[in-house]
Amino acid sequence: MPTLRKNTERQRYEILTDGGEVAGFADYHDQDGAVAMPHTVVEPAHEGQGLAGQLTRFALDDIRASGRKVVPQCSYVRAWISRHPDYADLLAAP
């Protein structure tokens, strides 16, 4: 089972394999009091396993817990939120 973590030093959320290898990540940074998510990557060897969805849910749950809103600059994160309307409340006002 993959491990999910927030890597504050590199300003990204990460998903790791059982062996500790970073299989994917989602960058973030502060933007006008919200959390911008510009980029999500899953390494080619790990594509098709649902890792991007797990990573996105983890990141958004963490942002929700912090009481902040999200600016989904990444097309994957935008699409994920549109498929999961229970996360739409996290969207920062345009």
PDB file of N, CA and C in Angstrom:
ATOM      1  N   MET A   1       0.850  -1.183   0.000  1.00  0.00           N
ATOM      2  CA  MET A   1       0.000   0.000   0.000  1.00  0.00           C
ATOM      3  C   MET A   1       0.892   1.242   0.000  1.00  0.00           C
ATOM      4  N   PRO A   2       0.590   2.195  -0.883  1.00  0.00           N
ATOM      5  CA  PRO A   2       1.423   3.399  -0.956  1.00  0.00           C
ATOM      6  C   PRO A   2       1.337   4.244   0.313  1.00  0.00           C
ATOM      7  N   THR A   3       2.377   5.012   0.532  1.00  0.00           N
ATOM      8  CA  THR A   3       2.440   5.961   1.642  1.00  0.00           C
ATOM      9  C   THR A   3       2.260   7.362   1.072  1.00  0.00           C
ATOM     10  N   LEU A   4       1.456   8.166   1.734  1.00  0.00           N
ATOM     11  CA  LEU A   4       1.226   9.553   1.336  1.00  0.00           C
ATOM     12  C   LEU A   4       1.841  10.471   2.378  1.00  0.00           C
ATOM     13  N   ARG A   5       2.458  11.550   1.909  1.00  0.00           N
ATOM     14  CA  ARG A   5       3.049  12.492   2.864  1.00  0.00           C
ATOM     15  C   ARG A   5       3.088  13.893   2.252  1.00  0.00           C
ATOM     16  N   LYS A   6       3.158  14.866   3.147  1.00  0.00           N
ATOM     17  CA  LYS A   6       3.344  16.258   2.744  1.00  0.00           C
ATOM     18  C   LYS A   6       4.812  16.578   2.960  1.00  0.00           C
ATOM     19  N   ASN A   7       5.489  16.967   1.915  1.00  0.00           N
ATOM     20  CA  ASN A   7       6.903  17.309   1.979  1.00  0.00           C
ATOM     21  C   ASN A   7       6.981  18.839   1.953  1.00  0.00           C
ATOM     22  N   THR A   8       6.953  19.456   3.131  1.00  0.00           N
ATOM     23  CA  THR A   8       6.928  20.920   3.200  1.00  0.00           C
ATOM     24  C   THR A   8       8.230  21.539   2.693  1.00  0.00           C
ATOM     25  N   GLU A   9       9.334  20.840   2.845  1.00  0.00           N
ATOM     26  CA  GLU A   9      10.617  21.363   2.379  1.00  0.00           C
ATOM     27  C   GLU A   9      10.621  21.560   0.855  1.00  0.00           C
ATOM     28  N   ARG A  10       9.994  20.630   0.143  1.00  0.00           N
ATOM     29  CA  ARG A  10       9.951  20.717  -1.331  1.00  0.00           C
ATOM     30  C   ARG A  10       8.624  21.289  -1.834  1.00  0.00           C
ATOM     31  N   GLN A  11       7.745  21.657  -0.921  1.00  0.00           N
ATOM     32  CA  GLN A  11       6.421  22.203  -1.235  1.00  0.00           C
ATOM     33  C   GLN A  11       5.668  21.305  -2.212  1.00  0.00           C
ATOM     34  N   ARG A  12       5.490  20.052  -1.769  1.00  0.00           N
ATOM     35  CA  ARG A  12       4.721  19.122  -2.579  1.00  0.00           C
ATOM     36  C   ARG A  12       4.186  17.988  -1.708  1.00  0.00           C
ATOM     37  N   TYR A  13       3.110  17.408  -2.201  1.00  0.00           N
ATOM     38  CA  TYR A  13       2.564  16.195  -1.608  1.00  0.00           C
ATOM     39  C   TYR A  13       3.141  15.034  -2.407  1.00  0.00           C
ATOM     40  N   GLU A  14       3.462  13.937  -1.726  1.00  0.00           N
ATOM     41  CA  GLU A  14       4.107  12.816  -2.394  1.00  0.00           C
ATOM     42  C   GLU A  14       3.386  11.513  -2.097  1.00  0.00           C
ATOM     43  N   ILE A  15       3.452  10.597  -3.057  1.00  0.00           N
ATOM     44  CA  ILE A  15       2.977   9.240  -2.855  1.00  0.00           C
ATOM     45  C   ILE A  15       4.161   8.319  -3.121  1.00  0.00           C
ATOM     46  N   LEU A  16       4.428   7.444  -2.162  1.00  0.00           N
ATOM     47  CA  LEU A  16       5.606   6.584  -2.216  1.00  0.00           C
ATOM     48  C   LEU A  16       5.206   5.119  -2.340  1.00  0.00           C
ATOM     49  N   THR A  17       6.035   4.361  -3.038  1.00  0.00           N
ATOM     50  CA  THR A  17       5.821   2.921  -3.153  1.00  0.00           C
ATOM     51  C   THR A  17       6.170   2.256  -1.821  1.00  0.00           C
ATOM     52  N   ASP A  18       5.869   0.974  -1.732  1.00  0.00           N
ATOM     53  CA  ASP A  18       6.231   0.218  -0.526  1.00  0.00           C
ATOM     54  C   ASP A  18       7.727   0.266  -0.263  1.00  0.00           C
ATOM     55  N   GLY A  19       8.529   0.397  -1.311  1.00  0.00           N
ATOM     56  CA  GLY A  19       9.979   0.468  -1.167  1.00  0.00           C
ATOM     57  C   GLY A  19      10.500   1.863  -0.856  1.00  0.00           C
ATOM     58  N   GLY A  20       9.595   2.855  -0.729  1.00  0.00           N
ATOM     59  CA  GLY A  20      10.002   4.209  -0.382  1.00  0.00           C
ATOM     60  C   GLY A  20      10.324   5.102  -1.569  1.00  0.00           C
ATOM     61  N   GLU A  21      10.111   4.604  -2.787  1.00  0.00           N
ATOM     62  CA  GLU A  21      10.367   5.388  -3.998  1.00  0.00           C
ATOM     63  C   GLU A  21       9.204   6.365  -4.234  1.00  0.00           C
ATOM     64  N   VAL A  22       9.531   7.608  -4.591  1.00  0.00           N
ATOM     65  CA  VAL A  22       8.491   8.583  -4.910  1.00  0.00           C
ATOM     66  C   VAL A  22       7.889   8.192  -6.253  1.00  0.00           C
ATOM     67  N   ALA A  23       6.613   7.785  -6.213  1.00  0.00           N
ATOM     68  CA  ALA A  23       5.918   7.357  -7.427  1.00  0.00           C
ATOM     69  C   ALA A  23       5.191   8.524  -8.081  1.00  0.00           C
ATOM     70  N   GLY A  24       4.924   9.571  -7.311  1.00  0.00           N
ATOM     71  CA  GLY A  24       4.240  10.736  -7.844  1.00  0.00           C
ATOM     72  C   GLY A  24       4.249  11.867  -6.839  1.00  0.00           C
ATOM     73  N   PHE A  25       3.904  13.064  -7.334  1.00  0.00           N
ATOM     74  CA  PHE A  25       3.868  14.227  -6.454  1.00  0.00           C
ATOM     75  C   PHE A  25       2.942  15.290  -7.027  1.00  0.00           C
ATOM     76  N   ALA A  26       2.494  16.163  -6.154  1.00  0.00           N
ATOM     77  CA  ALA A  26       1.668  17.312  -6.531  1.00  0.00           C
ATOM     78  C   ALA A  26       2.285  18.541  -5.873  1.00  0.00           C
ATOM     79  N   ASP A  27       2.791  19.435  -6.705  1.00  0.00           N
ATOM     80  CA  ASP A  27       3.388  20.676  -6.196  1.00  0.00           C
ATOM     81  C   ASP A  27       2.319  21.600  -5.641  1.00  0.00           C
ATOM     82  N   TYR A  28       2.712  22.466  -4.713  1.00  0.00           N
ATOM     83  CA  TYR A  28       1.814  23.488  -4.192  1.00  0.00           C
ATOM     84  C   TYR A  28       2.625  24.708  -3.784  1.00  0.00           C
ATOM     85  N   HIS A  29       1.943  25.837  -3.705  1.00  0.00           N
ATOM     86  CA  HIS A  29       2.537  27.048  -3.148  1.00  0.00           C
ATOM     87  C   HIS A  29       1.420  27.987  -2.720  1.00  0.00           C
ATOM     88  N   ASP A  30       1.764  28.936  -1.863  1.00  0.00           N
ATOM     89  CA  ASP A  30       0.789  29.922  -1.408  1.00  0.00           C
ATOM     90  C   ASP A  30       0.485  30.898  -2.537  1.00  0.00           C
ATOM     91  N   GLN A  31      -0.799  31.250  -2.639  1.00  0.00           N
ATOM     92  CA  GLN A  31      -1.212  32.239  -3.633  1.00  0.00           C
ATOM     93  C   GLN A  31      -2.384  33.034  -3.063  1.00  0.00           C
ATOM     94  N   ASP A  32      -2.106  34.246  -2.652  1.00  0.00           N
ATOM     95  CA  ASP A  32      -3.148  35.142  -2.131  1.00  0.00           C
ATOM     96  C   ASP A  32      -3.966  34.501  -1.019  1.00  0.00           C
ATOM     97  N   GLY A  33      -3.303  33.817  -0.093  1.00  0.00           N
ATOM     98  CA  GLY A  33      -3.976  33.211   1.051  1.00  0.00           C
ATOM     99  C   GLY A  33      -4.580  31.847   0.786  1.00  0.00           C
ATOM    100  N   ALA A  34      -4.495  31.375  -0.447  1.00  0.00           N
ATOM    101  CA  ALA A  34      -4.987  30.045  -0.805  1.00  0.00           C
ATOM    102  C   ALA A  34      -3.785  29.164  -1.153  1.00  0.00           C
ATOM    103  N   VAL A  35      -4.065  27.912  -1.487  1.00  0.00           N
ATOM    104  CA  VAL A  35      -3.017  26.973  -1.874  1.00  0.00           C
ATOM    105  C   VAL A  35      -3.170  26.682  -3.366  1.00  0.00           C
ATOM    106  N   ALA A  36      -2.209  27.119  -4.151  1.00  0.00           N
ATOM    107  CA  ALA A  36      -2.210  26.834  -5.585  1.00  0.00           C
ATOM    108  C   ALA A  36      -1.570  25.470  -5.820  1.00  0.00           C
ATOM    109  N   MET A  37      -2.182  24.702  -6.698  1.00  0.00           N
ATOM    110  CA  MET A  37      -1.645  23.390  -7.080  1.00  0.00           C
ATOM    111  C   MET A  37      -1.391  23.412  -8.591  1.00  0.00           C
ATOM    112  N   PRO A  38      -0.151  23.732  -9.007  1.00  0.00           N
ATOM    113  CA  PRO A  38       0.126  23.905 -10.425  1.00  0.00           C
ATOM    114  C   PRO A  38       0.475  22.636 -11.212  1.00  0.00           C
ATOM    115  N   HIS A  39       0.849  21.557 -10.517  1.00  0.00           N
ATOM    116  CA  HIS A  39       1.438  20.444 -11.251  1.00  0.00           C
ATOM    117  C   HIS A  39       1.270  19.140 -10.480  1.00  0.00           C
ATOM    118  N   THR A  40       0.809  18.101 -11.156  1.00  0.00           N
ATOM    119  CA  THR A  40       0.711  16.766 -10.573  1.00  0.00           C
ATOM    120  C   THR A  40       1.398  15.793 -11.514  1.00  0.00           C
ATOM    121  N   VAL A  41       2.243  14.929 -10.966  1.00  0.00           N
ATOM    122  CA  VAL A  41       3.014  13.981 -11.769  1.00  0.00           C
ATOM    123  C   VAL A  41       2.938  12.595 -11.143  1.00  0.00           C
ATOM    124  N   VAL A  42       2.722  11.590 -11.987  1.00  0.00           N
ATOM    125  CA  VAL A  42       2.910  10.198 -11.577  1.00  0.00           C
ATOM    126  C   VAL A  42       3.940   9.630 -12.542  1.00  0.00           C
ATOM    127  N   GLU A  43       4.969   9.034 -12.001  1.00  0.00           N
ATOM    128  CA  GLU A  43       6.035   8.473 -12.822  1.00  0.00           C
ATOM    129  C   GLU A  43       5.458   7.405 -13.757  1.00  0.00           C
ATOM    130  N   PRO A  44       5.935   7.339 -14.994  1.00  0.00           N
ATOM    131  CA  PRO A  44       5.383   6.409 -15.984  1.00  0.00           C
ATOM    132  C   PRO A  44       5.267   4.959 -15.503  1.00  0.00           C
ATOM    133  N   ALA A  45       6.219   4.497 -14.734  1.00  0.00           N
ATOM    134  CA  ALA A  45       6.184   3.112 -14.245  1.00  0.00           C
ATOM    135  C   ALA A  45       5.027   2.850 -13.290  1.00  0.00           C
ATOM    136  N   HIS A  46       4.395   3.925 -12.790  1.00  0.00           N
ATOM    137  CA  HIS A  46       3.329   3.775 -11.791  1.00  0.00           C
ATOM    138  C   HIS A  46       1.981   4.281 -12.286  1.00  0.00           C
ATOM    139  N   GLU A  47       1.908   4.634 -13.562  1.00  0.00           N
ATOM    140  CA  GLU A  47       0.645   5.129 -14.110  1.00  0.00           C
ATOM    141  C   GLU A  47      -0.401   4.012 -14.157  1.00  0.00           C
ATOM    142  N   GLY A  48      -1.665   4.414 -14.138  1.00  0.00           N
ATOM    143  CA  GLY A  48      -2.758   3.462 -14.267  1.00  0.00           C
ATOM    144  C   GLY A  48      -3.095   2.695 -13.009  1.00  0.00           C
ATOM    145  N   GLN A  49      -2.564   3.136 -11.869  1.00  0.00           N
ATOM    146  CA  GLN A  49      -2.801   2.445 -10.604  1.00  0.00           C
ATOM    147  C   GLN A  49      -3.681   3.251  -9.656  1.00  0.00           C
ATOM    148  N   GLY A  50      -4.175   4.391 -10.124  1.00  0.00           N
ATOM    149  CA  GLY A  50      -5.017   5.228  -9.277  1.00  0.00           C
ATOM    150  C   GLY A  50      -4.248   6.085  -8.287  1.00  0.00           C
ATOM    151  N   LEU A  51      -2.942   6.198  -8.466  1.00  0.00           N
ATOM    152  CA  LEU A  51      -2.128   6.938  -7.505  1.00  0.00           C
ATOM    153  C   LEU A  51      -2.403   8.443  -7.546  1.00  0.00           C
ATOM    154  N   ALA A  52      -2.641   8.999  -8.725  1.00  0.00           N
ATOM    155  CA  ALA A  52      -2.906  10.441  -8.830  1.00  0.00           C
ATOM    156  C   ALA A  52      -4.175  10.812  -8.058  1.00  0.00           C
ATOM    157  N   GLY A  53      -5.185   9.968  -8.137  1.00  0.00           N
ATOM    158  CA  GLY A  53      -6.416  10.225  -7.399  1.00  0.00           C
ATOM    159  C   GLY A  53      -6.211  10.164  -5.892  1.00  0.00           C
ATOM    160  N   GLN A  54      -5.448   9.164  -5.443  1.00  0.00           N
ATOM    161  CA  GLN A  54      -5.149   9.056  -4.007  1.00  0.00           C
ATOM    162  C   GLN A  54      -4.365  10.273  -3.534  1.00  0.00           C
ATOM    163  N   LEU A  55      -3.402  10.684  -4.333  1.00  0.00           N
ATOM    164  CA  LEU A  55      -2.560  11.825  -4.006  1.00  0.00           C
ATOM    165  C   LEU A  55      -3.388  13.106  -3.944  1.00  0.00           C
ATOM    166  N   THR A  56      -4.257  13.295  -4.914  1.00  0.00           N
ATOM    167  CA  THR A  56      -5.095  14.498  -4.948  1.00  0.00           C
ATOM    168  C   THR A  56      -6.035  14.542  -3.750  1.00  0.00           C
ATOM    169  N   ARG A  57      -6.680  13.431  -3.447  1.00  0.00           N
ATOM    170  CA  ARG A  57      -7.579  13.386  -2.279  1.00  0.00           C
ATOM    171  C   ARG A  57      -6.814  13.726  -0.998  1.00  0.00           C
ATOM    172  N   PHE A  58      -5.622  13.152  -0.839  1.00  0.00           N
ATOM    173  CA  PHE A  58      -4.801  13.404   0.343  1.00  0.00           C
ATOM    174  C   PHE A  58      -4.460  14.885   0.456  1.00  0.00           C
ATOM    175  N   ALA A  59      -4.022  15.480  -0.655  1.00  0.00           N
ATOM    176  CA  ALA A  59      -3.652  16.898  -0.658  1.00  0.00           C
ATOM    177  C   ALA A  59      -4.850  17.771  -0.325  1.00  0.00           C
ATOM    178  N   LEU A  60      -5.983  17.509  -0.958  1.00  0.00           N
ATOM    179  CA  LEU A  60      -7.175  18.326  -0.705  1.00  0.00           C
ATOM    180  C   LEU A  60      -7.697  18.153   0.715  1.00  0.00           C
ATOM    181  N   ASP A  61      -7.606  16.951   1.246  1.00  0.00           N
ATOM    182  CA  ASP A  61      -8.006  16.740   2.648  1.00  0.00           C
ATOM    183  C   ASP A  61      -7.099  17.532   3.585  1.00  0.00           C
ATOM    184  N   ASP A  62      -5.812  17.576   3.273  1.00  0.00           N
ATOM    185  CA  ASP A  62      -4.878  18.351   4.094  1.00  0.00           C
ATOM    186  C   ASP A  62      -5.180  19.844   3.996  1.00  0.00           C
ATOM    187  N   ILE A  63      -5.457  20.309   2.807  1.00  0.00           N
ATOM    188  CA  ILE A  63      -5.797  21.728   2.626  1.00  0.00           C
ATOM    189  C   ILE A  63      -7.088  22.058   3.366  1.00  0.00           C
ATOM    190  N   ARG A  64      -8.079  21.181   3.272  1.00  0.00           N
ATOM    191  CA  ARG A  64      -9.338  21.385   3.997  1.00  0.00           C
ATOM    192  C   ARG A  64      -9.078  21.466   5.508  1.00  0.00           C
ATOM    193  N   ALA A  65      -8.249  20.570   6.022  1.00  0.00           N
ATOM    194  CA  ALA A  65      -7.957  20.552   7.459  1.00  0.00           C
ATOM    195  C   ALA A  65      -7.271  21.831   7.910  1.00  0.00           C
ATOM    196  N   SER A  66      -6.544  22.476   7.003  1.00  0.00           N
ATOM    197  CA  SER A  66      -5.862  23.723   7.355  1.00  0.00           C
ATOM    198  C   SER A  66      -6.795  24.936   7.293  1.00  0.00           C
ATOM    199  N   GLY A  67      -8.022  24.714   6.781  1.00  0.00           N
ATOM    200  CA  GLY A  67      -8.986  25.809   6.690  1.00  0.00           C
ATOM    201  C   GLY A  67      -8.764  26.717   5.490  1.00  0.00           C
ATOM    202  N   ARG A  68      -7.951  26.271   4.553  1.00  0.00           N
ATOM    203  CA  ARG A  68      -7.627  27.103   3.383  1.00  0.00           C
ATOM    204  C   ARG A  68      -8.404  26.644   2.161  1.00  0.00           C
ATOM    205  N   LYS A  69      -8.336  27.419   1.126  1.00  0.00           N
ATOM    206  CA  LYS A  69      -8.956  27.115  -0.163  1.00  0.00           C
ATOM    207  C   LYS A  69      -7.871  26.722  -1.152  1.00  0.00           C
ATOM    208  N   VAL A  70      -8.285  26.159  -2.277  1.00  0.00           N
ATOM    209  CA  VAL A  70      -7.341  25.694  -3.286  1.00  0.00           C
ATOM    210  C   VAL A  70      -7.574  26.404  -4.616  1.00  0.00           C
ATOM    211  N   VAL A  71      -6.477  26.655  -5.308  1.00  0.00           N
ATOM    212  CA  VAL A  71      -6.499  27.174  -6.675  1.00  0.00           C
ATOM    213  C   VAL A  71      -5.940  26.042  -7.539  1.00  0.00           C
ATOM    214  N   PRO A  72      -6.803  25.276  -8.198  1.00  0.00           N
ATOM    215  CA  PRO A  72      -6.343  24.113  -8.965  1.00  0.00           C
ATOM    216  C   PRO A  72      -5.839  24.497 -10.354  1.00  0.00           C
ATOM    217  N   GLN A  73      -4.603  24.920 -10.436  1.00  0.00           N
ATOM    218  CA  GLN A  73      -4.010  25.289 -11.720  1.00  0.00           C
ATOM    219  C   GLN A  73      -3.726  24.046 -12.561  1.00  0.00           C
ATOM    220  N   CYS A  74      -3.527  22.929 -11.936  1.00  0.00           N
ATOM    221  CA  CYS A  74      -3.280  21.664 -12.619  1.00  0.00           C
ATOM    222  C   CYS A  74      -4.592  21.131 -13.204  1.00  0.00           C
ATOM    223  N   SER A  75      -4.566  20.754 -14.480  1.00  0.00           N
ATOM    224  CA  SER A  75      -5.783  20.262 -15.129  1.00  0.00           C
ATOM    225  C   SER A  75      -6.291  18.979 -14.475  1.00  0.00           C
ATOM    226  N   TYR A  76      -5.390  18.131 -13.984  1.00  0.00           N
ATOM    227  CA  TYR A  76      -5.835  16.901 -13.324  1.00  0.00           C
ATOM    228  C   TYR A  76      -6.597  17.225 -12.045  1.00  0.00           C
ATOM    229  N   VAL A  77      -6.079  18.133 -11.239  1.00  0.00           N
ATOM    230  CA  VAL A  77      -6.747  18.494  -9.982  1.00  0.00           C
ATOM    231  C   VAL A  77      -8.107  19.130 -10.269  1.00  0.00           C
ATOM    232  N   ARG A  78      -8.175  20.007 -11.265  1.00  0.00           N
ATOM    233  CA  ARG A  78      -9.466  20.614 -11.648  1.00  0.00           C
ATOM    234  C   ARG A  78     -10.473  19.538 -12.045  1.00  0.00           C
ATOM    235  N   ALA A  79     -10.047  18.605 -12.881  1.00  0.00           N
ATOM    236  CA  ALA A  79     -10.938  17.530 -13.328  1.00  0.00           C
ATOM    237  C   ALA A  79     -11.354  16.638 -12.161  1.00  0.00           C
ATOM    238  N   TRP A  80     -10.428  16.357 -11.263  1.00  0.00           N
ATOM    239  CA  TRP A  80     -10.736  15.505 -10.105  1.00  0.00           C
ATOM    240  C   TRP A  80     -11.806  16.168  -9.249  1.00  0.00           C
ATOM    241  N   ILE A  81     -11.660  17.452  -8.987  1.00  0.00           N
ATOM    242  CA  ILE A  81     -12.664  18.164  -8.176  1.00  0.00           C
ATOM    243  C   ILE A  81     -14.013  18.159  -8.887  1.00  0.00           C
ATOM    244  N   SER A  82     -14.024  18.323 -10.195  1.00  0.00           N
ATOM    245  CA  SER A  82     -15.302  18.314 -10.916  1.00  0.00           C
ATOM    246  C   SER A  82     -15.978  16.948 -10.833  1.00  0.00           C
ATOM    247  N   ARG A  83     -15.210  15.875 -10.705  1.00  0.00           N
ATOM    248  CA  ARG A  83     -15.775  14.525 -10.551  1.00  0.00           C
ATOM    249  C   ARG A  83     -16.138  14.201  -9.105  1.00  0.00           C
ATOM    250  N   HIS A  84     -15.690  15.035  -8.177  1.00  0.00           N
ATOM    251  CA  HIS A  84     -15.951  14.836  -6.744  1.00  0.00           C
ATOM    252  C   HIS A  84     -16.525  16.133  -6.175  1.00  0.00           C
ATOM    253  N   PRO A  85     -17.801  16.411  -6.434  1.00  0.00           N
ATOM    254  CA  PRO A  85     -18.386  17.699  -6.047  1.00  0.00           C
ATOM    255  C   PRO A  85     -18.356  17.979  -4.543  1.00  0.00           C
ATOM    256  N   ASP A  86     -18.139  16.957  -3.723  1.00  0.00           N
ATOM    257  CA  ASP A  86     -18.023  17.191  -2.287  1.00  0.00           C
ATOM    258  C   ASP A  86     -16.729  17.939  -1.940  1.00  0.00           C
ATOM    259  N   TYR A  87     -15.859  18.171  -2.927  1.00  0.00           N
ATOM    260  CA  TYR A  87     -14.647  18.953  -2.722  1.00  0.00           C
ATOM    261  C   TYR A  87     -14.743  20.353  -3.339  1.00  0.00           C
ATOM    262  N   ALA A  88     -15.856  20.649  -3.986  1.00  0.00           N
ATOM    263  CA  ALA A  88     -16.030  21.944  -4.662  1.00  0.00           C
ATOM    264  C   ALA A  88     -15.974  23.119  -3.683  1.00  0.00           C
ATOM    265  N   ASP A  89     -16.317  22.873  -2.428  1.00  0.00           N
ATOM    266  CA  ASP A  89     -16.277  23.941  -1.422  1.00  0.00           C
ATOM    267  C   ASP A  89     -14.857  24.441  -1.169  1.00  0.00           C
ATOM    268  N   LEU A  90     -13.862  23.680  -1.600  1.00  0.00           N
ATOM    269  CA  LEU A  90     -12.470  24.078  -1.393  1.00  0.00           C
ATOM    270  C   LEU A  90     -11.978  25.082  -2.420  1.00  0.00           C
ATOM    271  N   LEU A  91     -12.719  25.268  -3.500  1.00  0.00           N
ATOM    272  CA  LEU A  91     -12.265  26.150  -4.570  1.00  0.00           C
ATOM    273  C   LEU A  91     -12.245  27.609  -4.109  1.00  0.00           C
ATOM    274  N   ALA A  92     -11.112  28.257  -4.342  1.00  0.00           N
ATOM    275  CA  ALA A  92     -10.980  29.678  -4.028  1.00  0.00           C
ATOM    276  C   ALA A  92     -11.819  30.466  -5.035  1.00  0.00           C
ATOM    277  N   ALA A  93     -12.358  31.560  -4.593  1.00  0.00           N
ATOM    278  CA  ALA A  93     -13.126  32.416  -5.484  1.00  0.00           C
ATOM    279  C   ALA A  93     -12.215  32.959  -6.572  1.00  0.00           C
ATOM    280  N   PRO A  94     -12.719  33.035  -7.808  1.00  0.00           N
ATOM    281  CA  PRO A  94     -11.869  33.548  -8.902  1.00  0.00           C
ATOM    282  C   PRO A  94     -11.523  35.007  -8.721  1.00  0.00           C
TER     283      PRO A  94
END
